[in-house]
Amino acid sequence: MASLRDQLGGLVYSTEHGKTCPICREALEACQCDEMSEQQRLAALDGVVRIRRETSGRKGKGVTTVSGIPLSSDDLKALAKTLKKRCGTGGAVKEGIIEIQGDHRDTLRQELLALGYQVKFAGG
């Protein structure tokens, strides 16, 4: 059994680097976790933008989701803003997926095709 001194010998608290990232334990200024996760998300995409209508988990309210857009998170937010303005509704960007309130699949398809993306309808 380890002595009490050995059990308490590890570093418990330090203010040397300020706040640290809970994932990599680096200082927040030196953390690369967000950039690496963004690069992994972009690398996993196949270049096809998928549009689908979802109602699950939304109390029956229909939401059109747009996924697979190969853009960084800032560019994705800007694109979501233009798509929401085009449809005249609200929406959000969550985990790299654009959610537009209501069923606007045809409008979104036309807009994304005009921007040069390859678009497919997904789901039933």
C-alpha atoms as a PDB file:
ATOM      1  CA  MET A   1       0.000   0.000   0.000  1.00  0.00           C
ATOM      2  CA  ALA A   2       1.294   3.451  -0.908  1.00  0.00           C
ATOM      3  CA  SER A   3       2.086   5.861   1.865  1.00  0.00           C
ATOM      4  CA  LEU A   4       0.078   9.002   2.385  1.00  0.00           C
ATOM      5  CA  ARG A   5       2.994  11.073   1.102  1.00  0.00           C
ATOM      6  CA  ASP A   6       3.040   9.084  -2.184  1.00  0.00           C
ATOM      7  CA  GLN A   7      -0.724   9.419  -2.596  1.00  0.00           C
ATOM      8  CA  LEU A   8      -0.612  13.187  -2.143  1.00  0.00           C
ATOM      9  CA  GLY A   9       2.614  13.734  -4.080  1.00  0.00           C
ATOM     10  CA  GLY A  10       0.972  14.478  -7.450  1.00  0.00           C
ATOM     11  CA  LEU A  11       0.097  17.904  -8.738  1.00  0.00           C
ATOM     12  CA  VAL A  12      -3.348  18.865  -7.536  1.00  0.00           C
ATOM     13  CA  TYR A  13      -3.749  22.477  -8.630  1.00  0.00           C
ATOM     14  CA  SER A  14      -1.641  24.887 -10.601  1.00  0.00           C
ATOM     15  CA  THR A  15      -2.134  28.448 -11.822  1.00  0.00           C
ATOM     16  CA  GLU A  16       0.988  28.444 -13.975  1.00  0.00           C
ATOM     17  CA  HIS A  17      -0.798  28.300 -17.337  1.00  0.00           C
ATOM     18  CA  GLY A  18      -4.210  29.672 -16.387  1.00  0.00           C
ATOM     19  CA  LYS A  19      -7.209  27.813 -17.756  1.00  0.00           C
ATOM     20  CA  THR A  20      -6.486  24.530 -19.522  1.00  0.00           C
ATOM     21  CA  CYS A  21      -8.315  22.458 -22.111  1.00  0.00           C
ATOM     22  CA  PRO A  22     -10.059  19.465 -20.495  1.00  0.00           C
ATOM     23  CA  ILE A  23      -9.214  17.240 -23.478  1.00  0.00           C
ATOM     24  CA  CYS A  24      -5.496  17.817 -24.115  1.00  0.00           C
ATOM     25  CA  ARG A  25      -4.581  19.556 -20.819  1.00  0.00           C
ATOM     26  CA  GLU A  26      -2.768  22.344 -22.683  1.00  0.00           C
ATOM     27  CA  ALA A  27      -3.286  26.028 -21.949  1.00  0.00           C
ATOM     28  CA  LEU A  28      -6.298  27.411 -23.835  1.00  0.00           C
ATOM     29  CA  GLU A  29      -4.019  29.675 -25.879  1.00  0.00           C
ATOM     30  CA  ALA A  30      -1.980  26.664 -27.073  1.00  0.00           C
ATOM     31  CA  CYS A  31      -4.889  24.214 -27.466  1.00  0.00           C
ATOM     32  CA  GLN A  32      -5.315  22.717 -30.938  1.00  0.00           C
ATOM     33  CA  CYS A  33      -8.382  20.536 -30.204  1.00  0.00           C
ATOM     34  CA  ASP A  34     -10.941  22.699 -32.060  1.00  0.00           C
ATOM     35  CA  GLU A  35      -8.780  22.975 -35.164  1.00  0.00           C
ATOM     36  CA  MET A  36      -8.045  19.237 -35.202  1.00  0.00           C
ATOM     37  CA  SER A  37     -11.709  18.297 -34.795  1.00  0.00           C
ATOM     38  CA  GLU A  38     -12.644  20.721 -37.598  1.00  0.00           C
ATOM     39  CA  GLN A  39      -9.996  19.177 -39.886  1.00  0.00           C
ATOM     40  CA  GLN A  40     -11.242  15.672 -39.085  1.00  0.00           C
ATOM     41  CA  ARG A  41     -14.834  16.697 -39.840  1.00  0.00           C
ATOM     42  CA  LEU A  42     -13.820  18.187 -43.194  1.00  0.00           C
ATOM     43  CA  ALA A  43     -11.702  15.131 -44.092  1.00  0.00           C
ATOM     44  CA  ALA A  44     -14.635  12.784 -43.447  1.00  0.00           C
ATOM     45  CA  LEU A  45     -16.906  14.518 -45.993  1.00  0.00           C
ATOM     46  CA  ASP A  46     -17.412  13.039 -49.468  1.00  0.00           C
ATOM     47  CA  GLY A  47     -18.290  16.270 -51.307  1.00  0.00           C
ATOM     48  CA  VAL A  48     -22.029  15.612 -51.580  1.00  0.00           C
ATOM     49  CA  VAL A  49     -24.417  17.934 -49.745  1.00  0.00           C
ATOM     50  CA  ARG A  50     -27.397  16.046 -48.342  1.00  0.00           C
ATOM     51  CA  ILE A  51     -30.752  17.683 -47.634  1.00  0.00           C
ATOM     52  CA  ARG A  52     -33.351  15.912 -45.525  1.00  0.00           C
ATOM     53  CA  ARG A  53     -36.497  16.710 -43.607  1.00  0.00           C
ATOM     54  CA  GLU A  54     -36.594  15.613 -39.966  1.00  0.00           C
ATOM     55  CA  THR A  55     -39.282  15.664 -37.288  1.00  0.00           C
ATOM     56  CA  SER A  56     -37.844  13.231 -34.732  1.00  0.00           C
ATOM     57  CA  GLY A  57     -37.155  14.741 -31.326  1.00  0.00           C
ATOM     58  CA  ARG A  58     -38.794  18.044 -32.268  1.00  0.00           C
ATOM     59  CA  LYS A  59     -42.371  17.439 -31.064  1.00  0.00           C
ATOM     60  CA  GLY A  60     -43.652  16.989 -34.620  1.00  0.00           C
ATOM     61  CA  LYS A  61     -42.176  20.214 -35.950  1.00  0.00           C
ATOM     62  CA  GLY A  62     -40.485  19.799 -39.324  1.00  0.00           C
ATOM     63  CA  VAL A  63     -36.887  20.889 -39.779  1.00  0.00           C
ATOM     64  CA  THR A  64     -34.838  20.733 -42.973  1.00  0.00           C
ATOM     65  CA  THR A  65     -31.227  19.718 -42.320  1.00  0.00           C
ATOM     66  CA  VAL A  66     -28.321  20.351 -44.678  1.00  0.00           C
ATOM     67  CA  SER A  67     -25.216  18.250 -44.016  1.00  0.00           C
ATOM     68  CA  GLY A  68     -21.958  17.477 -45.761  1.00  0.00           C
ATOM     69  CA  ILE A  69     -20.967  21.032 -46.700  1.00  0.00           C
ATOM     70  CA  PRO A  70     -17.159  21.224 -46.885  1.00  0.00           C
ATOM     71  CA  LEU A  71     -16.732  24.610 -45.175  1.00  0.00           C
ATOM     72  CA  SER A  72     -15.117  25.770 -41.968  1.00  0.00           C
ATOM     73  CA  SER A  73     -17.400  26.611 -39.057  1.00  0.00           C
ATOM     74  CA  ASP A  74     -17.272  30.388 -39.678  1.00  0.00           C
ATOM     75  CA  ASP A  75     -18.082  29.972 -43.380  1.00  0.00           C
ATOM     76  CA  LEU A  76     -20.802  27.478 -42.467  1.00  0.00           C
ATOM     77  CA  LYS A  77     -22.457  30.060 -40.203  1.00  0.00           C
ATOM     78  CA  ALA A  78     -22.328  32.650 -42.990  1.00  0.00           C
ATOM     79  CA  LEU A  79     -23.889  30.189 -45.453  1.00  0.00           C
ATOM     80  CA  ALA A  80     -26.582  29.315 -42.920  1.00  0.00           C
ATOM     81  CA  LYS A  81     -27.404  32.991 -42.564  1.00  0.00           C
ATOM     82  CA  THR A  82     -27.893  33.391 -46.322  1.00  0.00           C
ATOM     83  CA  LEU A  83     -29.985  30.204 -46.532  1.00  0.00           C
ATOM     84  CA  LYS A  84     -32.195  31.317 -43.639  1.00  0.00           C
ATOM     85  CA  LYS A  85     -32.662  34.701 -45.284  1.00  0.00           C
ATOM     86  CA  ARG A  86     -33.523  33.029 -48.605  1.00  0.00           C
ATOM     87  CA  CYS A  87     -36.149  30.817 -46.948  1.00  0.00           C
ATOM     88  CA  GLY A  88     -37.443  33.555 -44.659  1.00  0.00           C
ATOM     89  CA  THR A  89     -37.233  31.394 -41.539  1.00  0.00           C
ATOM     90  CA  GLY A  90     -35.019  30.752 -38.557  1.00  0.00           C
ATOM     91  CA  GLY A  91     -32.507  28.040 -38.006  1.00  0.00           C
ATOM     92  CA  ALA A  92     -29.199  27.076 -36.447  1.00  0.00           C
ATOM     93  CA  VAL A  93     -25.852  25.422 -37.063  1.00  0.00           C
ATOM     94  CA  LYS A  94     -25.224  22.426 -34.805  1.00  0.00           C
ATOM     95  CA  GLU A  95     -22.179  20.146 -35.119  1.00  0.00           C
ATOM     96  CA  GLY A  96     -21.558  21.005 -38.762  1.00  0.00           C
ATOM     97  CA  ILE A  97     -25.213  20.574 -39.781  1.00  0.00           C
ATOM     98  CA  ILE A  98     -27.398  23.481 -40.836  1.00  0.00           C
ATOM     99  CA  GLU A  99     -30.975  23.275 -39.524  1.00  0.00           C
ATOM    100  CA  ILE A 100     -33.656  25.386 -41.216  1.00  0.00           C
ATOM    101  CA  GLN A 101     -37.132  25.566 -39.669  1.00  0.00           C
ATOM    102  CA  GLY A 102     -39.868  24.181 -41.912  1.00  0.00           C
ATOM    103  CA  ASP A 103     -39.842  22.167 -45.146  1.00  0.00           C
ATOM    104  CA  HIS A 104     -37.687  24.102 -47.617  1.00  0.00           C
ATOM    105  CA  ARG A 105     -35.956  21.253 -49.449  1.00  0.00           C
ATOM    106  CA  ASP A 106     -36.611  22.528 -52.979  1.00  0.00           C
ATOM    107  CA  THR A 107     -35.592  26.114 -52.196  1.00  0.00           C
ATOM    108  CA  LEU A 108     -32.399  24.970 -50.483  1.00  0.00           C
ATOM    109  CA  ARG A 109     -31.571  22.616 -53.355  1.00  0.00           C
ATOM    110  CA  GLN A 110     -31.884  25.415 -55.916  1.00  0.00           C
ATOM    111  CA  GLU A 111     -29.787  27.791 -53.823  1.00  0.00           C
ATOM    112  CA  LEU A 112     -27.017  25.250 -53.177  1.00  0.00           C
ATOM    113  CA  LEU A 113     -26.915  24.203 -56.827  1.00  0.00           C
ATOM    114  CA  ALA A 114     -26.524  27.861 -57.769  1.00  0.00           C
ATOM    115  CA  LEU A 115     -23.563  28.050 -55.378  1.00  0.00           C
ATOM    116  CA  GLY A 116     -21.935  25.092 -57.154  1.00  0.00           C
ATOM    117  CA  TYR A 117     -22.500  22.239 -54.702  1.00  0.00           C
ATOM    118  CA  GLN A 118     -23.509  18.698 -55.629  1.00  0.00           C
ATOM    119  CA  VAL A 119     -26.828  18.152 -53.864  1.00  0.00           C
ATOM    120  CA  LYS A 120     -28.829  15.023 -53.014  1.00  0.00           C
ATOM    121  CA  PHE A 121     -32.064  14.501 -51.143  1.00  0.00           C
ATOM    122  CA  ALA A 122     -31.616  12.057 -48.290  1.00  0.00           C
ATOM    123  CA  GLY A 123     -34.207  10.100 -46.372  1.00  0.00           C
ATOM    124  CA  GLY A 124     -37.592   8.833 -47.456  1.00  0.00           C
END
